Amino acid sequence: MDVAPIRPPDLSARPFFLVAERIMAASPVELYRMATQQFGLWFADPGSVLMRAEVNQPFFFTAGGGVPHYGRFLRLVPDGLVELSWVTHATEGAETVLTVEFSAHGAGTALLLTHAGFPSAAVRDRHEKSWPRILERWDHRAAATV
């Protein structure tokens, strides 16, 4: 069976992006697993996740009490990187690209998140305020599962 090459979204008309960094207590292995197999433990509404962590596979979940999120996996590097496209009402329907990189940092992980392709500075700014809270929740949930 031939597999079509992955075509990432064209972000050239949507140049707004953000970067968030955090030192996480959990290992890259644990965070990668939570990002690819346990989305319902730290981000998505429990029971709403339809996701298979394979490149070019679509996913769906709800978060925040039923808000739909859609996308597909673009790149996966076990214990090192998760990149996916991301569409929700908060991106105003724009297909954005979320890249999360994990690298060992002592007993934990240096996490670098890049979220690109926002249609405006206002949409980017709203996400820029949200991601630190989300990463903090992820860090606390990861520590609770170890």
Protein backbone atom coordinates (compact mmCIF):
# COMPACT_ATOMS: atom_id res chain seq x y z
CA MET A 1 0.00 0.00 0.00
CA ASP A 2 1.42 3.40 -0.99
CA VAL A 3 1.32 6.07 1.66
CA ALA A 4 0.90 9.65 0.47
CA PRO A 5 3.53 12.06 1.74
CA ILE A 6 2.48 14.33 4.56
CA ARG A 7 1.57 17.81 3.41
CA PRO A 8 1.68 20.23 6.32
CA PRO A 9 -0.78 23.11 6.24
CA ASP A 10 0.33 26.20 4.34
CA LEU A 11 0.78 28.84 7.05
CA SER A 12 2.16 31.57 4.78
CA ALA A 13 -1.06 33.62 4.93
CA ARG A 14 -1.25 33.18 8.73
CA PRO A 15 2.16 34.24 10.09
CA PHE A 16 1.22 34.66 13.75
CA PHE A 17 2.76 32.15 16.18
CA LEU A 18 3.76 31.71 19.79
CA VAL A 19 6.38 29.84 21.78
CA ALA A 20 5.93 28.51 25.31
CA GLU A 21 8.60 26.79 27.40
CA ARG A 22 8.38 24.94 30.67
CA ILE A 23 10.55 22.62 32.72
CA MET A 24 8.31 19.64 33.46
CA ALA A 25 8.79 17.20 36.33
CA ALA A 26 7.94 14.10 34.26
CA SER A 27 10.32 12.39 31.84
CA PRO A 28 10.15 12.84 28.06
CA VAL A 29 8.89 9.24 27.84
CA GLU A 30 5.94 9.99 30.14
CA LEU A 31 5.07 13.30 28.44
CA TYR A 32 5.24 11.76 24.97
CA ARG A 33 2.89 8.99 26.08
CA MET A 34 0.47 11.52 27.55
CA ALA A 35 0.57 13.57 24.33
CA THR A 36 -0.10 10.58 22.10
CA GLN A 37 -2.13 8.10 24.18
CA GLN A 38 -3.53 9.85 27.25
CA PHE A 39 -4.95 13.15 26.02
CA GLY A 40 -8.01 12.60 28.20
CA LEU A 41 -5.92 12.72 31.38
CA TRP A 42 -4.74 16.30 31.00
CA PHE A 43 -6.43 18.16 28.15
CA ALA A 44 -9.49 16.58 26.58
CA ASP A 45 -12.84 15.92 28.17
CA PRO A 46 -12.76 12.36 29.55
CA GLY A 47 -14.13 9.80 27.12
CA SER A 48 -14.14 12.16 24.13
CA VAL A 49 -10.80 11.27 22.52
CA LEU A 50 -10.73 9.50 19.16
CA MET A 51 -7.04 9.34 18.43
CA ARG A 52 -4.46 6.93 17.05
CA ALA A 53 -0.94 8.33 17.26
CA GLU A 54 0.26 7.66 13.74
CA VAL A 55 1.47 10.14 11.17
CA ASN A 56 -1.35 11.44 8.97
CA GLN A 57 -4.02 9.94 11.24
CA PRO A 58 -6.87 12.29 12.13
CA PHE A 59 -7.99 12.89 15.69
CA PHE A 60 -11.02 14.36 17.41
CA PHE A 61 -11.78 15.27 20.99
CA THR A 62 -13.73 17.79 22.98
CA ALA A 63 -12.26 20.02 25.66
CA GLY A 64 -13.56 22.69 27.96
CA GLY A 65 -16.98 21.12 28.32
CA GLY A 66 -17.67 19.96 24.77
CA VAL A 67 -15.71 22.27 22.45
CA PRO A 68 -14.66 20.17 19.41
CA HIS A 69 -11.00 19.96 18.37
CA TYR A 70 -9.85 18.33 15.14
CA GLY A 71 -6.54 17.64 13.48
CA ARG A 72 -4.03 15.07 12.29
CA PHE A 73 -0.58 13.98 13.30
CA LEU A 74 2.15 15.48 11.12
CA ARG A 75 5.34 14.19 12.79
CA LEU A 76 6.10 11.86 15.68
CA VAL A 77 9.52 11.23 17.17
CA PRO A 78 9.12 8.84 20.11
CA ASP A 79 9.96 10.59 23.38
CA GLY A 80 11.19 13.64 21.44
CA LEU A 81 8.52 15.42 19.39
CA VAL A 82 4.81 15.53 18.64
CA GLU A 83 3.57 17.73 15.81
CA LEU A 84 -0.03 17.97 14.76
CA SER A 85 -2.44 20.17 12.95
CA TRP A 86 -5.06 21.72 15.21
CA VAL A 87 -8.45 23.24 14.38
CA THR A 88 -11.03 24.51 16.85
CA HIS A 89 -13.31 27.50 17.28
CA ALA A 90 -10.52 29.16 19.31
CA THR A 91 -8.33 29.20 16.16
CA GLU A 92 -11.33 30.71 14.35
CA GLY A 93 -11.37 27.68 12.06
CA ALA A 94 -7.76 28.14 10.94
CA GLU A 95 -5.70 24.97 10.70
CA THR A 96 -2.76 25.71 12.98
CA VAL A 97 0.34 23.61 13.67
CA LEU A 98 1.25 22.62 17.21
CA THR A 99 4.78 21.32 17.77
CA VAL A 100 5.87 20.03 21.17
CA GLU A 101 9.52 19.10 21.66
CA PHE A 102 10.77 17.14 24.67
CA SER A 103 14.38 16.97 25.86
CA ALA A 104 15.76 15.51 29.07
CA HIS A 105 16.47 18.07 31.77
CA GLY A 106 17.81 16.48 34.94
CA ALA A 107 15.13 14.09 36.16
CA GLY A 108 12.48 15.95 34.15
CA THR A 109 11.94 17.50 30.75
CA ALA A 110 12.53 20.79 29.01
CA LEU A 111 9.37 21.24 26.95
CA LEU A 112 9.26 23.63 24.01
CA LEU A 113 5.85 24.28 22.48
CA THR A 114 5.38 26.21 19.23
CA HIS A 115 1.88 26.98 18.00
CA ALA A 116 1.84 28.54 14.53
CA GLY A 117 -0.62 29.64 11.88
CA PHE A 118 -2.96 31.93 13.77
CA PRO A 119 -5.14 34.15 11.58
CA SER A 120 -4.53 37.26 13.71
CA ALA A 121 -2.48 38.66 16.56
CA ALA A 122 -5.60 38.67 18.76
CA VAL A 123 -6.13 34.92 18.31
CA ARG A 124 -2.43 34.30 18.98
CA ASP A 125 -2.55 36.47 22.10
CA ARG A 126 -5.50 34.50 23.53
CA HIS A 127 -3.59 31.25 23.02
CA GLU A 128 -0.42 32.77 24.45
CA LYS A 129 -2.31 33.39 27.70
CA SER A 130 -3.81 29.87 27.75
CA TRP A 131 -0.81 27.66 27.03
CA PRO A 132 1.09 28.35 30.31
CA ARG A 133 -1.99 27.26 32.31
CA ILE A 134 -2.43 24.17 30.13
CA LEU A 135 1.23 23.21 30.50
CA GLU A 136 1.00 23.66 34.26
CA ARG A 137 -2.04 21.35 34.37
CA TRP A 138 -0.20 18.82 32.19
CA ASP A 139 2.82 18.96 34.51
CA HIS A 140 0.65 18.35 37.60
CA ARG A 141 -1.30 15.51 35.95
CA ALA A 142 1.94 13.90 34.75
CA ALA A 143 3.38 14.04 38.26
CA ALA A 144 0.23 12.39 39.61
CA THR A 145 0.48 9.47 37.16
CA VAL A 146 4.12 8.63 37.86
